[in-house]
Amino acid sequence: MEPLPERPLTLAEIQEYVAKMEVERGFSDSTLVEQVLKLAEETGEVCKAVRKRASLKVDPNSAVGGLGEELADVLIYLAALANREGIDLSQALRDKELVNTTRTWN
């Protein structure tokens, strides 16, 4: 794969990159269920990274990456899930924010 450009990426570019990356690395056959479970696991690793940053106890036998690394993993799995379902994350965000503008926030 070509390396990612040294500039901010759009959500569409991230989704396109993840789609290509999954094919190249042999992950494109993973099911939606497998991907959502991996997303949940990575979300747990984000929590561990935050615990570590906050100097809270973390299982010493647990591998904990940096927060940025774990957030990137979550983004990859999120894009993979969206790709499997044909969801344009940019449009999904726009649609959701239209709904959110009608909500009352406390």
PDB file of N, CA and C in Angstrom:
ATOM      1  N   MET A   1       0.843  -1.188   0.000  1.00  0.00           N
ATOM      2  CA  MET A   1       0.000   0.000   0.000  1.00  0.00           C
ATOM      3  C   MET A   1       0.875   1.233   0.000  1.00  0.00           C
ATOM      4  N   GLU A   2       0.342   2.243  -0.585  1.00  0.00           N
ATOM      5  CA  GLU A   2       1.037   3.527  -0.535  1.00  0.00           C
ATOM      6  C   GLU A   2       0.856   4.115   0.862  1.00  0.00           C
ATOM      7  N   PRO A   3       1.867   4.814   1.356  1.00  0.00           N
ATOM      8  CA  PRO A   3       1.713   5.421   2.684  1.00  0.00           C
ATOM      9  C   PRO A   3       0.653   6.522   2.648  1.00  0.00           C
ATOM     10  N   LEU A   4       0.066   6.754   3.801  1.00  0.00           N
ATOM     11  CA  LEU A   4      -0.926   7.821   3.908  1.00  0.00           C
ATOM     12  C   LEU A   4      -0.253   9.174   3.711  1.00  0.00           C
ATOM     13  N   PRO A   5      -0.953  10.116   3.095  1.00  0.00           N
ATOM     14  CA  PRO A   5      -0.362  11.441   2.895  1.00  0.00           C
ATOM     15  C   PRO A   5      -0.179  12.180   4.223  1.00  0.00           C
ATOM     16  N   GLU A   6       0.747  13.089   4.233  1.00  0.00           N
ATOM     17  CA  GLU A   6       1.049  13.878   5.432  1.00  0.00           C
ATOM     18  C   GLU A   6       0.153  15.116   5.502  1.00  0.00           C
ATOM     19  N   ARG A   7      -1.134  14.897   5.471  1.00  0.00           N
ATOM     20  CA  ARG A   7      -2.114  15.974   5.577  1.00  0.00           C
ATOM     21  C   ARG A   7      -3.364  15.385   6.211  1.00  0.00           C
ATOM     22  N   PRO A   8      -4.245  16.223   6.721  1.00  0.00           N
ATOM     23  CA  PRO A   8      -5.493  15.684   7.275  1.00  0.00           C
ATOM     24  C   PRO A   8      -6.278  14.920   6.200  1.00  0.00           C
ATOM     25  N   LEU A   9      -6.909  13.849   6.616  1.00  0.00           N
ATOM     26  CA  LEU A   9      -7.683  13.019   5.699  1.00  0.00           C
ATOM     27  C   LEU A   9      -9.172  13.236   5.920  1.00  0.00           C
ATOM     28  N   THR A  10      -9.934  13.115   4.856  1.00  0.00           N
ATOM     29  CA  THR A  10     -11.389  13.150   4.979  1.00  0.00           C
ATOM     30  C   THR A  10     -11.868  11.774   5.440  1.00  0.00           C
ATOM     31  N   LEU A  11     -13.090  11.724   5.921  1.00  0.00           N
ATOM     32  CA  LEU A  11     -13.647  10.429   6.291  1.00  0.00           C
ATOM     33  C   LEU A  11     -13.725   9.509   5.081  1.00  0.00           C
ATOM     34  N   ALA A  12     -14.056  10.052   3.928  1.00  0.00           N
ATOM     35  CA  ALA A  12     -14.117   9.243   2.705  1.00  0.00           C
ATOM     36  C   ALA A  12     -12.749   8.658   2.373  1.00  0.00           C
ATOM     37  N   GLU A  13     -11.701   9.445   2.539  1.00  0.00           N
ATOM     38  CA  GLU A  13     -10.350   8.941   2.277  1.00  0.00           C
ATOM     39  C   GLU A  13      -9.973   7.842   3.267  1.00  0.00           C
ATOM     40  N   ILE A  14     -10.378   8.014   4.516  1.00  0.00           N
ATOM     41  CA  ILE A  14     -10.092   6.990   5.527  1.00  0.00           C
ATOM     42  C   ILE A  14     -10.824   5.703   5.172  1.00  0.00           C
ATOM     43  N   GLN A  15     -12.092   5.814   4.802  1.00  0.00           N
ATOM     44  CA  GLN A  15     -12.851   4.618   4.439  1.00  0.00           C
ATOM     45  C   GLN A  15     -12.243   3.928   3.221  1.00  0.00           C
ATOM     46  N   GLU A  16     -11.813   4.686   2.254  1.00  0.00           N
ATOM     47  CA  GLU A  16     -11.194   4.113   1.054  1.00  0.00           C
ATOM     48  C   GLU A  16      -9.883   3.410   1.417  1.00  0.00           C
ATOM     49  N   TYR A  17      -9.076   4.052   2.242  1.00  0.00           N
ATOM     50  CA  TYR A  17      -7.810   3.464   2.665  1.00  0.00           C
ATOM     51  C   TYR A  17      -8.054   2.152   3.400  1.00  0.00           C
ATOM     52  N   VAL A  18      -9.002   2.150   4.339  1.00  0.00           N
ATOM     53  CA  VAL A  18      -9.282   0.951   5.123  1.00  0.00           C
ATOM     54  C   VAL A  18      -9.782  -0.176   4.218  1.00  0.00           C
ATOM     55  N   ALA A  19     -10.604   0.150   3.239  1.00  0.00           N
ATOM     56  CA  ALA A  19     -11.092  -0.877   2.307  1.00  0.00           C
ATOM     57  C   ALA A  19      -9.927  -1.532   1.574  1.00  0.00           C
ATOM     58  N   LYS A  20      -9.001  -0.746   1.084  1.00  0.00           N
ATOM     59  CA  LYS A  20      -7.830  -1.280   0.377  1.00  0.00           C
ATOM     60  C   LYS A  20      -6.929  -2.062   1.333  1.00  0.00           C
ATOM     61  N   MET A  21      -6.730  -1.522   2.518  1.00  0.00           N
ATOM     62  CA  MET A  21      -5.875  -2.150   3.516  1.00  0.00           C
ATOM     63  C   MET A  21      -6.423  -3.518   3.911  1.00  0.00           C
ATOM     64  N   GLU A  22      -7.726  -3.615   4.075  1.00  0.00           N
ATOM     65  CA  GLU A  22      -8.318  -4.898   4.460  1.00  0.00           C
ATOM     66  C   GLU A  22      -8.111  -5.966   3.384  1.00  0.00           C
ATOM     67  N   VAL A  23      -8.249  -5.567   2.126  1.00  0.00           N
ATOM     68  CA  VAL A  23      -8.019  -6.513   1.033  1.00  0.00           C
ATOM     69  C   VAL A  23      -6.563  -6.950   1.033  1.00  0.00           C
ATOM     70  N   GLU A  24      -5.659  -5.978   1.124  1.00  0.00           N
ATOM     71  CA  GLU A  24      -4.233  -6.290   1.076  1.00  0.00           C
ATOM     72  C   GLU A  24      -3.791  -7.182   2.225  1.00  0.00           C
ATOM     73  N   ARG A  25      -4.348  -6.979   3.396  1.00  0.00           N
ATOM     74  CA  ARG A  25      -3.921  -7.726   4.583  1.00  0.00           C
ATOM     75  C   ARG A  25      -4.771  -8.976   4.848  1.00  0.00           C
ATOM     76  N   GLY A  26      -5.743  -9.225   3.987  1.00  0.00           N
ATOM     77  CA  GLY A  26      -6.544 -10.437   4.107  1.00  0.00           C
ATOM     78  C   GLY A  26      -7.661 -10.371   5.133  1.00  0.00           C
ATOM     79  N   PHE A  27      -8.129  -9.171   5.459  1.00  0.00           N
ATOM     80  CA  PHE A  27      -9.191  -9.012   6.453  1.00  0.00           C
ATOM     81  C   PHE A  27     -10.565  -8.776   5.833  1.00  0.00           C
ATOM     82  N   SER A  28     -10.647  -8.687   4.528  1.00  0.00           N
ATOM     83  CA  SER A  28     -11.895  -8.283   3.890  1.00  0.00           C
ATOM     84  C   SER A  28     -13.007  -9.322   4.003  1.00  0.00           C
ATOM     85  N   ASP A  29     -12.674 -10.550   4.390  1.00  0.00           N
ATOM     86  CA  ASP A  29     -13.698 -11.580   4.538  1.00  0.00           C
ATOM     87  C   ASP A  29     -14.295 -11.628   5.945  1.00  0.00           C
ATOM     88  N   SER A  30     -13.783 -10.798   6.843  1.00  0.00           N
ATOM     89  CA  SER A  30     -14.333 -10.774   8.201  1.00  0.00           C
ATOM     90  C   SER A  30     -15.791 -10.331   8.145  1.00  0.00           C
ATOM     91  N   THR A  31     -16.608 -10.972   8.953  1.00  0.00           N
ATOM     92  CA  THR A  31     -18.032 -10.644   8.961  1.00  0.00           C
ATOM     93  C   THR A  31     -18.286  -9.365   9.757  1.00  0.00           C
ATOM     94  N   LEU A  32     -19.490  -8.869   9.623  1.00  0.00           N
ATOM     95  CA  LEU A  32     -19.898  -7.694  10.386  1.00  0.00           C
ATOM     96  C   LEU A  32     -19.803  -7.979  11.881  1.00  0.00           C
ATOM     97  N   VAL A  33     -20.234  -9.160  12.293  1.00  0.00           N
ATOM     98  CA  VAL A  33     -20.177  -9.524  13.711  1.00  0.00           C
ATOM     99  C   VAL A  33     -18.731  -9.572  14.195  1.00  0.00           C
ATOM    100  N   GLU A  34     -17.847 -10.192  13.420  1.00  0.00           N
ATOM    101  CA  GLU A  34     -16.434 -10.240  13.808  1.00  0.00           C
ATOM    102  C   GLU A  34     -15.860  -8.829  13.938  1.00  0.00           C
ATOM    103  N   GLN A  35     -16.201  -7.958  13.010  1.00  0.00           N
ATOM    104  CA  GLN A  35     -15.668  -6.599  13.035  1.00  0.00           C
ATOM    105  C   GLN A  35     -16.205  -5.802  14.222  1.00  0.00           C
ATOM    106  N   VAL A  36     -17.479  -5.965  14.538  1.00  0.00           N
ATOM    107  CA  VAL A  36     -18.029  -5.199  15.662  1.00  0.00           C
ATOM    108  C   VAL A  36     -17.447  -5.695  16.984  1.00  0.00           C
ATOM    109  N   LEU A  37     -17.165  -6.990  17.088  1.00  0.00           N
ATOM    110  CA  LEU A  37     -16.522  -7.497  18.293  1.00  0.00           C
ATOM    111  C   LEU A  37     -15.095  -6.963  18.423  1.00  0.00           C
ATOM    112  N   LYS A  38     -14.383  -6.881  17.308  1.00  0.00           N
ATOM    113  CA  LYS A  38     -13.035  -6.305  17.333  1.00  0.00           C
ATOM    114  C   LYS A  38     -13.089  -4.820  17.709  1.00  0.00           C
ATOM    115  N   LEU A  39     -14.111  -4.116  17.211  1.00  0.00           N
ATOM    116  CA  LEU A  39     -14.275  -2.703  17.577  1.00  0.00           C
ATOM    117  C   LEU A  39     -14.476  -2.572  19.084  1.00  0.00           C
ATOM    118  N   ALA A  40     -15.300  -3.446  19.651  1.00  0.00           N
ATOM    119  CA  ALA A  40     -15.534  -3.403  21.099  1.00  0.00           C
ATOM    120  C   ALA A  40     -14.242  -3.680  21.868  1.00  0.00           C
ATOM    121  N   GLU A  41     -13.460  -4.637  21.397  1.00  0.00           N
ATOM    122  CA  GLU A  41     -12.179  -4.941  22.044  1.00  0.00           C
ATOM    123  C   GLU A  41     -11.250  -3.733  21.998  1.00  0.00           C
ATOM    124  N   GLU A  42     -11.194  -3.089  20.841  1.00  0.00           N
ATOM    125  CA  GLU A  42     -10.322  -1.913  20.698  1.00  0.00           C
ATOM    126  C   GLU A  42     -10.816  -0.761  21.565  1.00  0.00           C
ATOM    127  N   THR A  43     -12.127  -0.641  21.717  1.00  0.00           N
ATOM    128  CA  THR A  43     -12.674   0.399  22.590  1.00  0.00           C
ATOM    129  C   THR A  43     -12.224   0.155  24.027  1.00  0.00           C
ATOM    130  N   GLY A  44     -12.191  -1.105  24.425  1.00  0.00           N
ATOM    131  CA  GLY A  44     -11.672  -1.445  25.753  1.00  0.00           C
ATOM    132  C   GLY A  44     -10.210  -1.054  25.898  1.00  0.00           C
ATOM    133  N   GLU A  45      -9.439  -1.203  24.813  1.00  0.00           N
ATOM    134  CA  GLU A  45      -8.033  -0.814  24.862  1.00  0.00           C
ATOM    135  C   GLU A  45      -7.882   0.704  24.965  1.00  0.00           C
ATOM    136  N   VAL A  46      -8.809   1.455  24.385  1.00  0.00           N
ATOM    137  CA  VAL A  46      -8.814   2.916  24.568  1.00  0.00           C
ATOM    138  C   VAL A  46      -9.014   3.221  26.050  1.00  0.00           C
ATOM    139  N   CYS A  47      -9.944   2.521  26.679  1.00  0.00           N
ATOM    140  CA  CYS A  47     -10.193   2.735  28.107  1.00  0.00           C
ATOM    141  C   CYS A  47      -8.948   2.435  28.934  1.00  0.00           C
ATOM    142  N   LYS A  48      -8.253   1.353  28.598  1.00  0.00           N
ATOM    143  CA  LYS A  48      -7.017   1.019  29.317  1.00  0.00           C
ATOM    144  C   LYS A  48      -5.964   2.104  29.126  1.00  0.00           C
ATOM    145  N   ALA A  49      -5.854   2.620  27.912  1.00  0.00           N
ATOM    146  CA  ALA A  49      -4.870   3.674  27.644  1.00  0.00           C
ATOM    147  C   ALA A  49      -5.191   4.930  28.448  1.00  0.00           C
ATOM    148  N   VAL A  50      -6.475   5.245  28.584  1.00  0.00           N
ATOM    149  CA  VAL A  50      -6.873   6.402  29.384  1.00  0.00           C
ATOM    150  C   VAL A  50      -6.569   6.141  30.852  1.00  0.00           C
ATOM    151  N   ARG A  51      -6.849   4.932  31.322  1.00  0.00           N
ATOM    152  CA  ARG A  51      -6.519   4.586  32.707  1.00  0.00           C
ATOM    153  C   ARG A  51      -5.020   4.770  32.952  1.00  0.00           C
ATOM    154  N   LYS A  52      -4.225   4.294  32.011  1.00  0.00           N
ATOM    155  CA  LYS A  52      -2.767   4.403  32.139  1.00  0.00           C
ATOM    156  C   LYS A  52      -2.343   5.867  32.183  1.00  0.00           C
ATOM    157  N   ARG A  53      -2.910   6.692  31.303  1.00  0.00           N
ATOM    158  CA  ARG A  53      -2.573   8.130  31.287  1.00  0.00           C
ATOM    159  C   ARG A  53      -2.972   8.825  32.573  1.00  0.00           C
ATOM    160  N   ALA A  54      -4.065   8.345  33.174  1.00  0.00           N
ATOM    161  CA  ALA A  54      -4.559   8.942  34.418  1.00  0.00           C
ATOM    162  C   ALA A  54      -3.881   8.334  35.644  1.00  0.00           C
ATOM    163  N   SER A  55      -2.867   7.509  35.418  1.00  0.00           N
ATOM    164  CA  SER A  55      -2.123   6.840  36.489  1.00  0.00           C
ATOM    165  C   SER A  55      -3.023   5.965  37.362  1.00  0.00           C
ATOM    166  N   LEU A  56      -4.029   5.369  36.750  1.00  0.00           N
ATOM    167  CA  LEU A  56      -4.872   4.413  37.450  1.00  0.00           C
ATOM    168  C   LEU A  56      -4.312   3.014  37.208  1.00  0.00           C
ATOM    169  N   LYS A  57      -4.665   2.096  38.061  1.00  0.00           N
ATOM    170  CA  LYS A  57      -4.136   0.736  37.941  1.00  0.00           C
ATOM    171  C   LYS A  57      -4.609   0.083  36.646  1.00  0.00           C
ATOM    172  N   VAL A  58      -3.676  -0.606  36.006  1.00  0.00           N
ATOM    173  CA  VAL A  58      -3.948  -1.373  34.797  1.00  0.00           C
ATOM    174  C   VAL A  58      -3.331  -2.742  34.997  1.00  0.00           C
ATOM    175  N   ASP A  59      -4.020  -3.769  34.553  1.00  0.00           N
ATOM    176  CA  ASP A  59      -3.505  -5.136  34.669  1.00  0.00           C
ATOM    177  C   ASP A  59      -2.095  -5.180  34.086  1.00  0.00           C
ATOM    178  N   PRO A  60      -1.095  -5.572  34.882  1.00  0.00           N
ATOM    179  CA  PRO A  60       0.286  -5.590  34.389  1.00  0.00           C
ATOM    180  C   PRO A  60       0.510  -6.603  33.260  1.00  0.00           C
ATOM    181  N   ASN A  61      -0.373  -7.577  33.129  1.00  0.00           N
ATOM    182  CA  ASN A  61      -0.264  -8.568  32.061  1.00  0.00           C
ATOM    183  C   ASN A  61      -0.963  -8.117  30.776  1.00  0.00           C
ATOM    184  N   SER A  62      -1.582  -6.968  30.835  1.00  0.00           N
ATOM    185  CA  SER A  62      -2.334  -6.455  29.689  1.00  0.00           C
ATOM    186  C   SER A  62      -1.459  -5.511  28.869  1.00  0.00           C
ATOM    187  N   ALA A  63      -1.389  -5.777  27.575  1.00  0.00           N
ATOM    188  CA  ALA A  63      -0.633  -4.879  26.691  1.00  0.00           C
ATOM    189  C   ALA A  63      -1.474  -3.634  26.451  1.00  0.00           C
ATOM    190  N   VAL A  64      -0.904  -2.492  26.749  1.00  0.00           N
ATOM    191  CA  VAL A  64      -1.619  -1.233  26.580  1.00  0.00           C
ATOM    192  C   VAL A  64      -0.794  -0.330  25.681  1.00  0.00           C
ATOM    193  N   GLY A  65      -1.356   0.039  24.539  1.00  0.00           N
ATOM    194  CA  GLY A  65      -0.681   0.972  23.648  1.00  0.00           C
ATOM    195  C   GLY A  65      -0.965   2.394  24.071  1.00  0.00           C
ATOM    196  N   GLY A  66      -0.425   3.331  23.316  1.00  0.00           N
ATOM    197  CA  GLY A  66      -0.699   4.730  23.569  1.00  0.00           C
ATOM    198  C   GLY A  66      -2.112   5.074  23.137  1.00  0.00           C
ATOM    199  N   LEU A  67      -2.643   6.143  23.679  1.00  0.00           N
ATOM    200  CA  LEU A  67      -4.016   6.547  23.380  1.00  0.00           C
ATOM    201  C   LEU A  67      -4.216   6.793  21.891  1.00  0.00           C
ATOM    202  N   GLY A  68      -3.286   7.471  21.253  1.00  0.00           N
ATOM    203  CA  GLY A  68      -3.410   7.734  19.818  1.00  0.00           C
ATOM    204  C   GLY A  68      -3.468   6.457  19.004  1.00  0.00           C
ATOM    205  N   GLU A  69      -2.617   5.506  19.360  1.00  0.00           N
ATOM    206  CA  GLU A  69      -2.579   4.216  18.668  1.00  0.00           C
ATOM    207  C   GLU A  69      -3.906   3.473  18.813  1.00  0.00           C
ATOM    208  N   GLU A  70      -4.445   3.473  20.018  1.00  0.00           N
ATOM    209  CA  GLU A  70      -5.701   2.762  20.262  1.00  0.00           C
ATOM    210  C   GLU A  70      -6.878   3.464  19.583  1.00  0.00           C
ATOM    211  N   LEU A  71      -6.881   4.794  19.579  1.00  0.00           N
ATOM    212  CA  LEU A  71      -7.938   5.525  18.866  1.00  0.00           C
ATOM    213  C   LEU A  71      -7.873   5.253  17.367  1.00  0.00           C
ATOM    214  N   ALA A  72      -6.658   5.135  16.837  1.00  0.00           N
ATOM    215  CA  ALA A  72      -6.507   4.816  15.410  1.00  0.00           C
ATOM    216  C   ALA A  72      -7.092   3.435  15.116  1.00  0.00           C
ATOM    217  N   ASP A  73      -6.869   2.474  16.010  1.00  0.00           N
ATOM    218  CA  ASP A  73      -7.453   1.141  15.821  1.00  0.00           C
ATOM    219  C   ASP A  73      -8.983   1.220  15.802  1.00  0.00           C
ATOM    220  N   VAL A  74      -9.550   2.007  16.702  1.00  0.00           N
ATOM    221  CA  VAL A  74     -11.010   2.173  16.733  1.00  0.00           C
ATOM    222  C   VAL A  74     -11.496   2.781  15.416  1.00  0.00           C
ATOM    223  N   LEU A  75     -10.788   3.777  14.923  1.00  0.00           N
ATOM    224  CA  LEU A  75     -11.165   4.412  13.659  1.00  0.00           C
ATOM    225  C   LEU A  75     -11.117   3.419  12.502  1.00  0.00           C
ATOM    226  N   ILE A  76     -10.093   2.581  12.483  1.00  0.00           N
ATOM    227  CA  ILE A  76      -9.973   1.570  11.426  1.00  0.00           C
ATOM    228  C   ILE A  76     -11.160   0.621  11.457  1.00  0.00           C
ATOM    229  N   TYR A  77     -11.494   0.106  12.642  1.00  0.00           N
ATOM    230  CA  TYR A  77     -12.622  -0.828  12.730  1.00  0.00           C
ATOM    231  C   TYR A  77     -13.950  -0.144  12.446  1.00  0.00           C
ATOM    232  N   LEU A  78     -14.100   1.095  12.858  1.00  0.00           N
ATOM    233  CA  LEU A  78     -15.318   1.847  12.557  1.00  0.00           C
ATOM    234  C   LEU A  78     -15.483   2.006  11.051  1.00  0.00           C
ATOM    235  N   ALA A  79     -14.414   2.378  10.370  1.00  0.00           N
ATOM    236  CA  ALA A  79     -14.465   2.515   8.911  1.00  0.00           C
ATOM    237  C   ALA A  79     -14.749   1.170   8.252  1.00  0.00           C
ATOM    238  N   ALA A  80     -14.166   0.107   8.771  1.00  0.00           N
ATOM    239  CA  ALA A  80     -14.400  -1.228   8.207  1.00  0.00           C
ATOM    240  C   ALA A  80     -15.869  -1.623   8.339  1.00  0.00           C
ATOM    241  N   LEU A  81     -16.460  -1.331   9.488  1.00  0.00           N
ATOM    242  CA  LEU A  81     -17.881  -1.625   9.685  1.00  0.00           C
ATOM    243  C   LEU A  81     -18.742  -0.828   8.705  1.00  0.00           C
ATOM    244  N   ALA A  82     -18.459   0.443   8.603  1.00  0.00           N
ATOM    245  CA  ALA A  82     -19.221   1.298   7.679  1.00  0.00           C
ATOM    246  C   ALA A  82     -19.078   0.790   6.250  1.00  0.00           C
ATOM    247  N   ASN A  83     -17.883   0.423   5.867  1.00  0.00           N
ATOM    248  CA  ASN A  83     -17.651  -0.088   4.518  1.00  0.00           C
ATOM    249  C   ASN A  83     -18.480  -1.343   4.245  1.00  0.00           C
ATOM    250  N   ARG A  84     -18.527  -2.250   5.202  1.00  0.00           N
ATOM    251  CA  ARG A  84     -19.275  -3.488   5.009  1.00  0.00           C
ATOM    252  C   ARG A  84     -20.766  -3.228   4.791  1.00  0.00           C
ATOM    253  N   GLU A  85     -21.264  -2.172   5.396  1.00  0.00           N
ATOM    254  CA  GLU A  85     -22.683  -1.853   5.300  1.00  0.00           C
ATOM    255  C   GLU A  85     -22.991  -0.763   4.266  1.00  0.00           C
ATOM    256  N   GLY A  86     -21.960  -0.314   3.541  1.00  0.00           N
ATOM    257  CA  GLY A  86     -22.171   0.708   2.519  1.00  0.00           C
ATOM    258  C   GLY A  86     -22.562   2.059   3.095  1.00  0.00           C
ATOM    259  N   ILE A  87     -22.053   2.355   4.278  1.00  0.00           N
ATOM    260  CA  ILE A  87     -22.382   3.617   4.951  1.00  0.00           C
ATOM    261  C   ILE A  87     -21.275   4.627   4.710  1.00  0.00           C
ATOM    262  N   ASP A  88     -21.653   5.777   4.203  1.00  0.00           N
ATOM    263  CA  ASP A  88     -20.744   6.905   4.035  1.00  0.00           C
ATOM    264  C   ASP A  88     -20.715   7.632   5.378  1.00  0.00           C
ATOM    265  N   LEU A  89     -19.604   7.531   6.100  1.00  0.00           N
ATOM    266  CA  LEU A  89     -19.529   8.123   7.435  1.00  0.00           C
ATOM    267  C   LEU A  89     -19.716   9.635   7.430  1.00  0.00           C
ATOM    268  N   SER A  90     -19.257  10.294   6.381  1.00  0.00           N
ATOM    269  CA  SER A  90     -19.454  11.748   6.294  1.00  0.00           C
ATOM    270  C   SER A  90     -20.940  12.085   6.250  1.00  0.00           C
ATOM    271  N   GLN A  91     -21.678  11.346   5.431  1.00  0.00           N
ATOM    272  CA  GLN A  91     -23.118  11.593   5.322  1.00  0.00           C
ATOM    273  C   GLN A  91     -23.841  11.173   6.594  1.00  0.00           C
ATOM    274  N   ALA A  92     -23.410  10.072   7.181  1.00  0.00           N
ATOM    275  CA  ALA A  92     -24.027   9.625   8.432  1.00  0.00           C
ATOM    276  C   ALA A  92     -23.852  10.684   9.523  1.00  0.00           C
ATOM    277  N   LEU A  93     -22.686  11.300   9.568  1.00  0.00           N
ATOM    278  CA  LEU A  93     -22.439  12.365  10.545  1.00  0.00           C
ATOM    279  C   LEU A  93     -23.343  13.562  10.279  1.00  0.00           C
ATOM    280  N   ARG A  94     -23.457  13.956   9.008  1.00  0.00           N
ATOM    281  CA  ARG A  94     -24.351  15.073   8.661  1.00  0.00           C
ATOM    282  C   ARG A  94     -25.791  14.764   9.082  1.00  0.00           C
ATOM    283  N   ASP A  95     -26.256  13.561   8.727  1.00  0.00           N
ATOM    284  CA  ASP A  95     -27.626  13.161   9.049  1.00  0.00           C
ATOM    285  C   ASP A  95     -27.865  13.161  10.556  1.00  0.00           C
ATOM    286  N   LYS A  96     -26.924  12.632  11.306  1.00  0.00           N
ATOM    287  CA  LYS A  96     -27.076  12.571  12.759  1.00  0.00           C
ATOM    288  C   LYS A  96     -27.080  13.959  13.377  1.00  0.00           C
ATOM    289  N   GLU A  97     -26.234  14.844  12.874  1.00  0.00           N
ATOM    290  CA  GLU A  97     -26.198  16.204  13.418  1.00  0.00           C
ATOM    291  C   GLU A  97     -27.485  16.967  13.119  1.00  0.00           C
ATOM    292  N   LEU A  98     -28.144  16.659  12.014  1.00  0.00           N
ATOM    293  CA  LEU A  98     -29.460  17.268  11.750  1.00  0.00           C
ATOM    294  C   LEU A  98     -30.457  16.846  12.823  1.00  0.00           C
ATOM    295  N   VAL A  99     -30.406  15.587  13.208  1.00  0.00           N
ATOM    296  CA  VAL A  99     -31.266  15.100  14.286  1.00  0.00           C
ATOM    297  C   VAL A  99     -30.874  15.767  15.600  1.00  0.00           C
ATOM    298  N   ASN A 100     -29.579  15.854  15.861  1.00  0.00           N
ATOM    299  CA  ASN A 100     -29.108  16.425  17.126  1.00  0.00           C
ATOM    300  C   ASN A 100     -29.491  17.884  17.298  1.00  0.00           C
ATOM    301  N   THR A 101     -29.635  18.618  16.203  1.00  0.00           N
ATOM    302  CA  THR A 101     -30.000  20.037  16.323  1.00  0.00           C
ATOM    303  C   THR A 101     -31.408  20.218  16.866  1.00  0.00           C
ATOM    304  N   THR A 102     -32.219  19.160  16.830  1.00  0.00           N
ATOM    305  CA  THR A 102     -33.589  19.255  17.351  1.00  0.00           C
ATOM    306  C   THR A 102     -33.680  18.817  18.805  1.00  0.00           C
ATOM    307  N   ARG A 103     -32.574  18.330  19.345  1.00  0.00           N
ATOM    308  CA  ARG A 103     -32.562  17.854  20.720  1.00  0.00           C
ATOM    309  C   ARG A 103     -32.258  18.969  21.702  1.00  0.00           C
ATOM    310  N   THR A 104     -32.682  18.777  22.921  1.00  0.00           N
ATOM    311  CA  THR A 104     -32.344  19.696  23.995  1.00  0.00           C
ATOM    312  C   THR A 104     -31.201  19.094  24.791  1.00  0.00           C
ATOM    313  N   TRP A 105     -30.155  19.889  24.966  1.00  0.00           N
ATOM    314  CA  TRP A 105     -28.959  19.419  25.678  1.00  0.00           C
ATOM    315  C   TRP A 105     -28.904  20.054  27.046  1.00  0.00           C
ATOM    316  N   ASN A 106     -28.718  19.263  28.068  1.00  0.00           N
ATOM    317  CA  ASN A 106     -28.634  19.779  29.448  1.00  0.00           C
ATOM    318  C   ASN A 106     -27.203  19.958  29.857  1.00  0.00           C
TER     319      ASN A 106
END
